N, C-alpha and C. Protein backbone atom coordinates (compact mmCIF):
# COMPACT_ATOMS: atom_id res chain seq x y z
N MET A 1 41.23 -33.21 -33.97
CA MET A 1 41.15 -34.02 -35.01
C MET A 1 42.11 -34.75 -35.49
N ASP A 2 42.49 -36.20 -35.28
CA ASP A 2 43.64 -36.98 -35.78
C ASP A 2 43.68 -37.08 -37.61
N ASP A 3 44.92 -37.34 -37.81
CA ASP A 3 45.00 -37.40 -39.29
C ASP A 3 43.96 -38.05 -40.32
N THR A 4 43.41 -39.18 -39.72
CA THR A 4 42.23 -40.16 -39.96
C THR A 4 41.32 -39.32 -40.29
N GLN A 5 40.86 -38.82 -39.09
CA GLN A 5 39.64 -38.05 -39.61
C GLN A 5 39.65 -37.08 -40.20
N ALA A 6 40.73 -35.97 -40.50
CA ALA A 6 41.01 -35.04 -41.38
C ALA A 6 40.86 -35.67 -42.74
N LYS A 7 41.47 -36.59 -43.03
CA LYS A 7 41.37 -37.54 -44.15
C LYS A 7 39.86 -37.84 -44.56
N ASP A 8 39.05 -38.37 -43.71
CA ASP A 8 37.90 -38.64 -44.01
C ASP A 8 37.00 -37.62 -44.26
N LEU A 9 37.30 -36.38 -43.32
CA LEU A 9 36.43 -35.00 -43.55
C LEU A 9 36.90 -34.72 -44.94
N GLY A 10 37.92 -34.75 -45.57
CA GLY A 10 38.37 -34.27 -46.68
C GLY A 10 37.61 -35.37 -47.89
N ASP A 11 37.69 -36.49 -47.60
CA ASP A 11 37.33 -37.24 -48.68
C ASP A 11 35.66 -37.21 -49.08
N TYR A 12 35.33 -37.13 -47.87
CA TYR A 12 33.86 -36.71 -47.81
C TYR A 12 33.05 -35.58 -48.25
N LEU A 13 33.83 -34.18 -47.87
CA LEU A 13 33.89 -33.10 -48.71
C LEU A 13 33.76 -32.96 -50.33
N ARG A 14 34.96 -33.88 -50.73
CA ARG A 14 35.38 -33.95 -52.31
C ARG A 14 34.29 -34.61 -52.82
N ALA A 15 34.01 -35.64 -52.29
CA ALA A 15 32.73 -36.62 -53.00
C ALA A 15 31.72 -35.89 -53.06
N ARG A 16 31.27 -35.16 -52.11
CA ARG A 16 29.85 -34.63 -52.58
C ARG A 16 30.05 -33.38 -53.20
N ARG A 17 31.03 -32.26 -53.22
CA ARG A 17 31.31 -31.48 -53.82
C ARG A 17 31.23 -31.75 -55.44
N GLN A 18 32.06 -32.91 -55.79
CA GLN A 18 31.82 -33.44 -57.21
C GLN A 18 30.29 -34.06 -57.25
N GLU A 19 29.84 -34.79 -56.33
CA GLU A 19 28.89 -35.07 -56.99
C GLU A 19 27.70 -33.67 -57.42
N LEU A 20 27.75 -32.65 -56.63
CA LEU A 20 27.15 -31.75 -56.82
C LEU A 20 27.46 -30.85 -58.01
N GLY A 21 28.92 -31.17 -58.55
CA GLY A 21 29.17 -30.54 -60.01
C GLY A 21 29.88 -29.41 -59.55
N LEU A 22 30.20 -29.19 -58.56
CA LEU A 22 31.02 -27.90 -58.24
C LEU A 22 32.60 -28.00 -57.97
N SER A 23 32.98 -26.85 -58.51
CA SER A 23 34.37 -26.53 -58.33
C SER A 23 34.86 -26.09 -57.05
N THR A 24 36.11 -26.26 -56.74
CA THR A 24 36.45 -25.72 -55.42
C THR A 24 36.35 -24.45 -55.59
N ARG A 25 36.79 -23.53 -56.24
CA ARG A 25 36.36 -22.00 -56.36
C ARG A 25 34.97 -22.03 -56.24
N ALA A 26 34.08 -22.52 -56.74
CA ALA A 26 32.87 -22.05 -56.43
C ALA A 26 32.26 -22.34 -54.86
N LEU A 27 32.72 -23.55 -54.81
CA LEU A 27 32.66 -23.90 -53.25
C LEU A 27 33.01 -22.46 -52.43
N ALA A 28 34.11 -22.57 -52.19
CA ALA A 28 35.16 -21.35 -51.63
C ALA A 28 34.00 -20.13 -52.01
N ALA A 29 33.84 -19.83 -53.10
CA ALA A 29 33.03 -18.52 -53.10
C ALA A 29 31.79 -18.34 -52.10
N ALA A 30 30.72 -19.88 -52.52
CA ALA A 30 29.88 -19.76 -51.71
C ALA A 30 29.89 -19.79 -50.11
N VAL A 31 31.25 -20.33 -49.76
CA VAL A 31 31.27 -20.19 -48.07
C VAL A 31 31.90 -18.99 -47.94
N ASP A 32 32.49 -18.22 -48.74
CA ASP A 32 33.25 -16.89 -48.58
C ASP A 32 34.82 -17.14 -47.77
N VAL A 33 35.15 -17.96 -48.47
CA VAL A 33 36.89 -18.51 -47.96
C VAL A 33 37.52 -18.53 -48.82
N ASN A 34 38.92 -18.59 -48.73
CA ASN A 34 39.69 -18.67 -50.10
C ASN A 34 39.87 -19.85 -50.43
N MET A 35 39.84 -20.42 -51.46
CA MET A 35 39.65 -21.51 -52.03
C MET A 35 40.94 -22.22 -51.75
N ALA A 36 42.13 -21.97 -51.47
CA ALA A 36 43.07 -22.57 -50.98
C ALA A 36 42.60 -23.23 -49.28
N GLN A 37 41.70 -22.73 -48.89
CA GLN A 37 41.07 -23.24 -47.29
C GLN A 37 40.27 -24.81 -47.85
N ILE A 38 39.79 -24.59 -48.93
CA ILE A 38 38.80 -25.82 -49.55
C ILE A 38 39.67 -26.90 -49.84
N VAL A 39 40.78 -26.47 -50.37
CA VAL A 39 41.81 -27.38 -50.98
C VAL A 39 42.32 -27.99 -49.95
N ARG A 40 42.76 -27.32 -49.23
CA ARG A 40 43.57 -27.98 -47.70
C ARG A 40 42.31 -28.75 -46.84
N LEU A 41 41.09 -28.45 -46.78
CA LEU A 41 40.32 -29.23 -46.37
C LEU A 41 40.19 -30.56 -46.96
N GLU A 42 40.17 -30.51 -48.10
CA GLU A 42 39.92 -31.92 -49.05
C GLU A 42 40.94 -32.39 -49.15
N ALA A 43 42.07 -32.06 -48.68
CA ALA A 43 43.40 -32.79 -48.91
C ALA A 43 43.62 -33.57 -47.43
N GLY A 44 42.91 -32.93 -46.28
CA GLY A 44 42.95 -33.61 -44.92
C GLY A 44 44.30 -32.88 -44.39
N GLN A 45 44.23 -31.69 -44.67
CA GLN A 45 45.43 -30.79 -44.20
C GLN A 45 45.21 -29.81 -42.95
N VAL A 46 43.90 -29.89 -42.71
CA VAL A 46 43.44 -29.04 -41.80
C VAL A 46 43.03 -29.71 -40.28
N SER A 47 43.41 -29.42 -39.26
CA SER A 47 43.47 -30.59 -38.17
C SER A 47 42.39 -29.98 -37.21
N SER A 48 41.76 -28.34 -37.47
CA SER A 48 40.94 -28.06 -36.59
C SER A 48 40.18 -26.94 -37.43
N PRO A 49 39.16 -27.43 -38.23
CA PRO A 49 38.51 -26.67 -38.91
C PRO A 49 37.53 -25.47 -38.46
N ARG A 50 37.10 -24.22 -38.50
CA ARG A 50 36.39 -23.62 -37.71
C ARG A 50 34.75 -24.17 -37.56
N ALA A 51 34.20 -24.36 -36.93
CA ALA A 51 32.74 -24.61 -36.85
C ALA A 51 31.85 -24.13 -37.87
N GLU A 52 31.94 -22.51 -37.68
CA GLU A 52 31.40 -21.92 -38.90
C GLU A 52 31.68 -22.01 -39.97
N VAL A 53 32.65 -22.50 -40.37
CA VAL A 53 32.93 -22.78 -41.93
C VAL A 53 32.54 -24.15 -42.10
N LEU A 54 32.34 -25.17 -41.57
CA LEU A 54 32.07 -26.47 -41.88
C LEU A 54 30.48 -25.86 -41.62
N GLY A 55 29.86 -25.09 -41.05
CA GLY A 55 28.44 -25.05 -41.12
C GLY A 55 27.89 -24.30 -42.37
N GLN A 56 28.77 -23.60 -43.03
CA GLN A 56 28.41 -22.92 -44.08
C GLN A 56 28.65 -23.88 -45.37
N ILE A 57 29.68 -24.75 -45.14
CA ILE A 57 29.86 -25.93 -46.28
C ILE A 57 28.81 -26.74 -46.10
N ALA A 58 28.11 -27.31 -44.88
CA ALA A 58 27.24 -27.98 -45.05
C ALA A 58 26.10 -27.60 -45.49
N LYS A 59 25.91 -26.31 -45.51
CA LYS A 59 24.56 -25.81 -46.10
C LYS A 59 24.53 -25.76 -47.33
N THR A 60 25.79 -25.30 -48.16
CA THR A 60 26.10 -25.41 -49.37
C THR A 60 26.10 -26.57 -50.08
N LEU A 61 26.69 -27.46 -49.47
CA LEU A 61 26.49 -29.29 -49.97
C LEU A 61 25.29 -29.74 -49.59
N GLY A 62 24.33 -29.16 -49.11
CA GLY A 62 23.18 -29.90 -48.69
C GLY A 62 23.05 -30.84 -47.64
N VAL A 63 24.18 -31.06 -46.87
CA VAL A 63 24.15 -32.24 -45.69
C VAL A 63 24.18 -31.46 -44.47
N PRO A 64 23.65 -32.51 -43.67
CA PRO A 64 23.54 -31.87 -42.21
C PRO A 64 25.04 -31.54 -41.60
N VAL A 65 25.11 -30.49 -40.99
CA VAL A 65 26.18 -29.68 -40.22
C VAL A 65 26.90 -30.99 -39.11
N ALA A 66 25.69 -31.71 -38.75
CA ALA A 66 26.08 -32.61 -37.51
C ALA A 66 27.16 -34.01 -38.19
N ASP A 67 26.70 -34.07 -39.51
CA ASP A 67 27.64 -35.39 -40.36
C ASP A 67 29.21 -34.68 -40.40
N LEU A 68 29.12 -33.49 -40.42
CA LEU A 68 30.70 -32.96 -40.82
C LEU A 68 31.35 -32.62 -39.29
N TYR A 69 30.54 -32.05 -38.24
CA TYR A 69 30.96 -32.00 -36.96
C TYR A 69 31.50 -33.56 -36.77
N VAL A 70 30.63 -34.46 -36.72
CA VAL A 70 31.23 -35.77 -36.56
C VAL A 70 32.52 -36.33 -37.30
N LEU A 71 32.46 -35.91 -38.67
CA LEU A 71 33.46 -36.57 -39.09
C LEU A 71 34.56 -35.59 -38.90
N ALA A 72 34.61 -34.32 -38.16
CA ALA A 72 35.80 -33.39 -37.94
C ALA A 72 35.84 -33.75 -36.44
N GLY A 73 35.48 -34.77 -35.74
CA GLY A 73 35.58 -34.50 -34.27
C GLY A 73 35.07 -34.11 -33.31
N TYR A 74 34.08 -32.99 -33.66
CA TYR A 74 33.75 -32.35 -32.33
C TYR A 74 32.47 -32.87 -31.76
N PRO A 75 32.48 -32.58 -30.56
CA PRO A 75 31.87 -33.41 -29.51
C PRO A 75 30.16 -33.05 -30.11
N THR A 76 29.28 -33.90 -30.13
CA THR A 76 27.83 -33.83 -30.37
C THR A 76 26.88 -34.23 -29.52
N PRO A 77 26.21 -33.13 -29.34
CA PRO A 77 25.12 -33.75 -28.39
C PRO A 77 24.49 -34.83 -28.56
N ARG A 78 23.93 -35.51 -27.42
CA ARG A 78 23.36 -36.66 -27.25
C ARG A 78 21.75 -36.25 -27.39
N GLY A 79 21.32 -35.21 -26.98
CA GLY A 79 19.74 -35.08 -26.92
C GLY A 79 19.22 -34.08 -28.31
N LEU A 80 18.07 -34.32 -28.77
CA LEU A 80 17.66 -33.31 -29.63
C LEU A 80 16.93 -31.84 -29.08
N PRO A 81 17.31 -30.68 -29.98
CA PRO A 81 16.76 -29.51 -29.23
C PRO A 81 15.38 -29.77 -29.36
N ASN A 82 14.81 -28.51 -28.39
CA ASN A 82 13.48 -28.30 -28.38
C ASN A 82 12.82 -27.71 -29.61
N ILE A 83 11.56 -28.07 -29.93
CA ILE A 83 11.02 -27.85 -31.13
C ILE A 83 11.17 -26.10 -31.66
N ARG A 84 10.90 -25.12 -30.43
CA ARG A 84 10.89 -24.09 -31.08
C ARG A 84 12.57 -23.60 -31.80
N PRO A 85 13.78 -23.95 -30.94
CA PRO A 85 14.80 -23.40 -31.46
C PRO A 85 15.30 -24.24 -32.84
N TYR A 86 14.48 -25.79 -32.81
CA TYR A 86 14.73 -26.23 -34.19
C TYR A 86 14.01 -25.92 -35.19
N LEU A 87 12.93 -25.38 -34.91
CA LEU A 87 11.92 -24.74 -36.18
C LEU A 87 13.00 -23.57 -36.48
N ARG A 88 13.39 -22.54 -35.79
CA ARG A 88 13.90 -21.49 -36.09
C ARG A 88 15.25 -21.79 -36.85
N THR A 89 15.66 -22.52 -36.37
CA THR A 89 17.07 -23.03 -37.21
C THR A 89 16.88 -23.55 -38.31
N LYS A 90 16.16 -24.75 -38.29
CA LYS A 90 16.14 -25.41 -39.67
C LYS A 90 15.24 -24.92 -40.68
N TYR A 91 14.41 -24.05 -40.66
CA TYR A 91 13.43 -23.42 -41.37
C TYR A 91 13.61 -21.90 -41.44
N ASP A 92 14.87 -21.25 -41.01
CA ASP A 92 15.25 -19.72 -40.72
C ASP A 92 14.76 -19.26 -42.05
N GLY A 93 14.08 -18.29 -41.97
CA GLY A 93 13.78 -17.47 -43.27
C GLY A 93 12.47 -18.14 -44.06
N GLN A 94 11.99 -19.34 -43.79
CA GLN A 94 11.08 -19.93 -44.24
C GLN A 94 9.63 -19.92 -43.58
N LEU A 95 9.66 -19.69 -42.17
CA LEU A 95 8.42 -19.89 -41.52
C LEU A 95 8.54 -18.86 -40.74
N SER A 96 7.15 -18.12 -40.66
CA SER A 96 7.12 -16.94 -39.74
C SER A 96 7.02 -17.48 -38.33
N ALA A 97 7.07 -16.62 -37.32
CA ALA A 97 7.04 -16.91 -36.10
C ALA A 97 5.68 -17.32 -35.87
N GLU A 98 4.69 -17.04 -36.23
CA GLU A 98 3.38 -17.53 -35.93
C GLU A 98 3.02 -18.97 -36.82
N ALA A 99 3.75 -19.33 -37.64
CA ALA A 99 3.78 -20.55 -38.19
C ALA A 99 4.47 -21.81 -37.52
N ARG A 100 5.81 -20.88 -36.88
CA ARG A 100 6.32 -22.20 -36.03
C ARG A 100 5.44 -22.19 -34.00
N ASN A 101 4.73 -21.15 -34.07
CA ASN A 101 4.28 -21.20 -32.73
C ASN A 101 2.88 -22.03 -33.34
N GLU A 102 2.28 -22.14 -34.03
CA GLU A 102 1.17 -23.06 -34.34
C GLU A 102 1.59 -24.59 -34.84
N ILE A 103 2.80 -24.82 -35.17
CA ILE A 103 3.48 -26.26 -35.34
C ILE A 103 3.65 -26.56 -33.64
N GLU A 104 4.18 -25.70 -33.05
CA GLU A 104 4.72 -26.09 -31.49
C GLU A 104 3.47 -26.39 -30.93
N ALA A 105 2.53 -25.63 -31.12
CA ALA A 105 1.06 -25.79 -30.25
C ALA A 105 0.34 -27.16 -30.70
N ILE A 106 0.39 -27.61 -32.09
CA ILE A 106 0.10 -28.77 -32.68
C ILE A 106 0.81 -29.74 -32.27
N ILE A 107 2.12 -29.77 -31.72
CA ILE A 107 2.78 -30.73 -31.30
C ILE A 107 2.61 -31.00 -29.94
N GLN A 108 2.56 -30.08 -29.07
CA GLN A 108 2.33 -30.19 -27.83
C GLN A 108 0.74 -30.62 -27.33
N ARG A 109 -0.16 -30.30 -28.21
CA ARG A 109 -1.40 -30.89 -27.78
C ARG A 109 -1.50 -32.31 -28.15
N ASP A 110 -0.71 -32.63 -29.58
CA ASP A 110 -1.02 -34.15 -29.80
C ASP A 110 -0.05 -34.88 -29.09
N LEU A 111 0.86 -34.71 -28.36
CA LEU A 111 1.62 -35.44 -27.60
C LEU A 111 1.34 -35.06 -25.93
N GLY A 112 0.59 -34.49 -26.19
CA GLY A 112 0.18 -34.05 -24.28
C GLY A 112 1.19 -33.30 -23.69
N ILE A 113 1.97 -32.35 -24.45
CA ILE A 113 3.01 -31.78 -23.41
C ILE A 113 2.56 -30.48 -23.09
N GLN A 114 2.91 -30.45 -21.81
CA GLN A 114 2.68 -29.07 -21.45
C GLN A 114 3.47 -27.97 -21.26
N ASP A 115 4.82 -28.27 -21.30
CA ASP A 115 5.66 -27.37 -21.75
C ASP A 115 7.02 -28.15 -22.66
N THR A 116 7.51 -27.44 -23.57
CA THR A 116 8.66 -27.96 -24.52
C THR A 116 10.04 -27.74 -23.76
N SER A 117 10.14 -26.78 -22.84
CA SER A 117 11.16 -26.50 -21.89
C SER A 117 12.01 -25.67 -22.91
N GLY A 118 11.79 -25.40 -23.69
CA GLY A 118 12.53 -24.38 -24.68
C GLY A 118 12.12 -22.88 -24.43
N PRO A 119 12.58 -22.01 -24.98
CA PRO A 119 12.53 -20.65 -24.88
C PRO A 119 11.24 -20.30 -25.22
N ARG A 120 10.22 -19.25 -24.49
CA ARG A 120 9.03 -19.16 -24.44
C ARG A 120 8.61 -17.63 -25.13
N ASN A 121 7.66 -17.38 -25.29
CA ASN A 121 7.27 -16.19 -25.83
C ASN A 121 8.20 -15.35 -26.58
N GLY A 122 8.53 -15.88 -27.49
CA GLY A 122 9.64 -15.23 -28.71
C GLY A 122 10.70 -14.75 -28.10
N GLU A 123 11.15 -15.37 -26.90
CA GLU A 123 12.70 -15.34 -26.52
C GLU A 123 14.01 -15.71 -27.37
N ASP A 124 13.55 -16.80 -28.39
CA ASP A 124 14.59 -16.76 -29.31
C ASP A 124 14.25 -16.52 -30.79
N GLU A 125 12.97 -15.73 -30.81
CA GLU A 125 12.65 -15.20 -32.16
C GLU A 125 13.72 -13.92 -32.38
N GLN A 126 13.72 -13.67 -33.89
CA GLN A 126 14.72 -12.69 -34.21
C GLN A 126 13.90 -11.64 -34.82
């Protein structure tokens, strides 16, 4: 990530944090990192933030993790995930395996899809 990207990421994080009324200390606690790390990120002083930290920040700030990855200069996939892993990731803990299976079946039926090319028979289920 170059200096411009680091500054843009920092500005974005600061603006969103302030919009939510969170202090740097509160964000750091929610993400389980040192407050100095949040301060350095927002100041554009981190050239390669860890993906898992960005993921936790995105979750805490209520923004798509893909937005933070793009700002940080991480390569992003061109395609969309298959429905099964998408539902598991997006609605982790909110949808049962049965509900995810039902949603997948409805989508397959309505779109005439025979196979979603994703994990089958609970392969990605926890």
